[in-house]
Amino acid sequence: MTFFSPVKLSDLIQSVFTGFKSKFDLKELLFY
């Protein structure tokens, strides 16, 4: 059972959010 420290968990969430943000930015660039 792996234990995630709050710092690592927040980093993981932030990286996922930045990934989604970059995808949405690409979509906006393609649409506009």
PDB file of N, CA and C in Angstrom:
ATOM      1  N   MET A   1       0.852  -1.197   0.000  1.00  0.00           N
ATOM      2  CA  MET A   1       0.000   0.000   0.000  1.00  0.00           C
ATOM      3  C   MET A   1       0.890   1.250   0.000  1.00  0.00           C
ATOM      4  N   THR A   2       0.756   2.032  -1.046  1.00  0.00           N
ATOM      5  CA  THR A   2       1.601   3.217  -1.149  1.00  0.00           C
ATOM      6  C   THR A   2       0.957   4.383  -0.420  1.00  0.00           C
ATOM      7  N   PHE A   3       1.783   5.184   0.243  1.00  0.00           N
ATOM      8  CA  PHE A   3       1.276   6.334   0.992  1.00  0.00           C
ATOM      9  C   PHE A   3       1.713   7.615   0.301  1.00  0.00           C
ATOM     10  N   PHE A   4       0.741   8.458  -0.052  1.00  0.00           N
ATOM     11  CA  PHE A   4       1.059   9.715  -0.719  1.00  0.00           C
ATOM     12  C   PHE A   4       1.146  10.846   0.296  1.00  0.00           C
ATOM     13  N   SER A   5       2.256  11.547   0.294  1.00  0.00           N
ATOM     14  CA  SER A   5       2.379  12.702   1.182  1.00  0.00           C
ATOM     15  C   SER A   5       1.611  13.868   0.559  1.00  0.00           C
ATOM     16  N   PRO A   6       1.078  14.780   1.362  1.00  0.00           N
ATOM     17  CA  PRO A   6       0.283  15.900   0.828  1.00  0.00           C
ATOM     18  C   PRO A   6       1.039  16.670  -0.258  1.00  0.00           C
ATOM     19  N   VAL A   7       2.337  16.838  -0.067  1.00  0.00           N
ATOM     20  CA  VAL A   7       3.112  17.611  -1.053  1.00  0.00           C
ATOM     21  C   VAL A   7       3.132  16.881  -2.388  1.00  0.00           C
ATOM     22  N   LYS A   8       3.424  15.584  -2.349  1.00  0.00           N
ATOM     23  CA  LYS A   8       3.474  14.831  -3.610  1.00  0.00           C
ATOM     24  C   LYS A   8       2.088  14.780  -4.244  1.00  0.00           C
ATOM     25  N   LEU A   9       1.062  14.612  -3.439  1.00  0.00           N
ATOM     26  CA  LEU A   9      -0.296  14.544  -3.979  1.00  0.00           C
ATOM     27  C   LEU A   9      -0.657  15.866  -4.653  1.00  0.00           C
ATOM     28  N   SER A  10      -0.337  16.982  -3.992  1.00  0.00           N
ATOM     29  CA  SER A  10      -0.650  18.291  -4.581  1.00  0.00           C
ATOM     30  C   SER A  10       0.135  18.485  -5.871  1.00  0.00           C
ATOM     31  N   ASP A  11       1.401  18.022  -5.882  1.00  0.00           N
ATOM     32  CA  ASP A  11       2.200  18.149  -7.107  1.00  0.00           C
ATOM     33  C   ASP A  11       1.558  17.338  -8.228  1.00  0.00           C
ATOM     34  N   LEU A  12       1.077  16.135  -7.900  1.00  0.00           N
ATOM     35  CA  LEU A  12       0.448  15.288  -8.913  1.00  0.00           C
ATOM     36  C   LEU A  12      -0.805  15.964  -9.462  1.00  0.00           C
ATOM     37  N   ILE A  13      -1.633  16.496  -8.555  1.00  0.00           N
ATOM     38  CA  ILE A  13      -2.861  17.170  -8.992  1.00  0.00           C
ATOM     39  C   ILE A  13      -2.522  18.382  -9.854  1.00  0.00           C
ATOM     40  N   GLN A  14      -1.494  19.144  -9.426  1.00  0.00           N
ATOM     41  CA  GLN A  14      -1.120  20.341 -10.184  1.00  0.00           C
ATOM     42  C   GLN A  14      -0.641  19.957 -11.578  1.00  0.00           C
ATOM     43  N   SER A  15       0.139  18.885 -11.662  1.00  0.00           N
ATOM     44  CA  SER A  15       0.651  18.451 -12.971  1.00  0.00           C
ATOM     45  C   SER A  15      -0.513  18.027 -13.860  1.00  0.00           C
ATOM     46  N   VAL A  16      -1.509  17.353 -13.277  1.00  0.00           N
ATOM     47  CA  VAL A  16      -2.678  16.932 -14.062  1.00  0.00           C
ATOM     48  C   VAL A  16      -3.450  18.158 -14.540  1.00  0.00           C
ATOM     49  N   PHE A  17      -3.624  19.146 -13.640  1.00  0.00           N
ATOM     50  CA  PHE A  17      -4.353  20.361 -14.016  1.00  0.00           C
ATOM     51  C   PHE A  17      -3.625  21.100 -15.128  1.00  0.00           C
ATOM     52  N   THR A  18      -2.282  21.191 -15.030  1.00  0.00           N
ATOM     53  CA  THR A  18      -1.514  21.888 -16.066  1.00  0.00           C
ATOM     54  C   THR A  18      -1.644  21.131 -17.382  1.00  0.00           C
ATOM     55  N   GLY A  19      -1.706  19.807 -17.312  1.00  0.00           N
ATOM     56  CA  GLY A  19      -1.862  19.004 -18.524  1.00  0.00           C
ATOM     57  C   GLY A  19      -3.195  19.308 -19.190  1.00  0.00           C
ATOM     58  N   PHE A  20      -4.270  19.355 -18.381  1.00  0.00           N
ATOM     59  CA  PHE A  20      -5.587  19.663 -18.942  1.00  0.00           C
ATOM     60  C   PHE A  20      -5.598  21.084 -19.501  1.00  0.00           C
ATOM     61  N   LYS A  21      -4.944  22.001 -18.776  1.00  0.00           N
ATOM     62  CA  LYS A  21      -4.917  23.399 -19.206  1.00  0.00           C
ATOM     63  C   LYS A  21      -4.238  23.505 -20.566  1.00  0.00           C
ATOM     64  N   SER A  22      -3.115  22.804 -20.729  1.00  0.00           N
ATOM     65  CA  SER A  22      -2.402  22.871 -22.009  1.00  0.00           C
ATOM     66  C   SER A  22      -3.279  22.291 -23.117  1.00  0.00           C
ATOM     67  N   LYS A  23      -4.019  21.226 -22.819  1.00  0.00           N
ATOM     68  CA  LYS A  23      -4.909  20.636 -23.827  1.00  0.00           C
ATOM     69  C   LYS A  23      -6.000  21.628 -24.210  1.00  0.00           C
ATOM     70  N   PHE A  24      -6.585  22.309 -23.200  1.00  0.00           N
ATOM     71  CA  PHE A  24      -7.643  23.270 -23.494  1.00  0.00           C
ATOM     72  C   PHE A  24      -7.074  24.443 -24.288  1.00  0.00           C
ATOM     73  N   ASP A  25      -5.829  24.860 -23.943  1.00  0.00           N
ATOM     74  CA  ASP A  25      -5.205  25.961 -24.681  1.00  0.00           C
ATOM     75  C   ASP A  25      -5.037  25.561 -26.143  1.00  0.00           C
ATOM     76  N   LEU A  26      -4.627  24.315 -26.379  1.00  0.00           N
ATOM     77  CA  LEU A  26      -4.461  23.849 -27.759  1.00  0.00           C
ATOM     78  C   LEU A  26      -5.806  23.863 -28.471  1.00  0.00           C
ATOM     79  N   LYS A  27      -6.864  23.435 -27.776  1.00  0.00           N
ATOM     80  CA  LYS A  27      -8.197  23.420 -28.398  1.00  0.00           C
ATOM     81  C   LYS A  27      -8.613  24.838 -28.763  1.00  0.00           C
ATOM     82  N   GLU A  28      -8.363  25.791 -27.842  1.00  0.00           N
ATOM     83  CA  GLU A  28      -8.747  27.176 -28.117  1.00  0.00           C
ATOM     84  C   GLU A  28      -7.979  27.706 -29.321  1.00  0.00           C
ATOM     85  N   LEU A  29      -6.691  27.357 -29.399  1.00  0.00           N
ATOM     86  CA  LEU A  29      -5.890  27.825 -30.539  1.00  0.00           C
ATOM     87  C   LEU A  29      -6.444  27.242 -31.836  1.00  0.00           C
ATOM     88  N   LEU A  30      -6.863  25.971 -31.788  1.00  0.00           N
ATOM     89  CA  LEU A  30      -7.379  25.333 -33.006  1.00  0.00           C
ATOM     90  C   LEU A  30      -8.726  25.929 -33.395  1.00  0.00           C
ATOM     91  N   PHE A  31      -9.567  26.214 -32.382  1.00  0.00           N
ATOM     92  CA  PHE A  31     -10.911  26.695 -32.694  1.00  0.00           C
ATOM     93  C   PHE A  31     -10.895  28.151 -33.141  1.00  0.00           C
ATOM     94  N   TYR A  32      -9.992  28.961 -32.536  1.00  0.00           N
ATOM     95  CA  TYR A  32     -10.049  30.397 -32.858  1.00  0.00           C
ATOM     96  C   TYR A  32      -9.186  30.728 -34.038  1.00  0.00           C
TER      97      TYR A  32
END
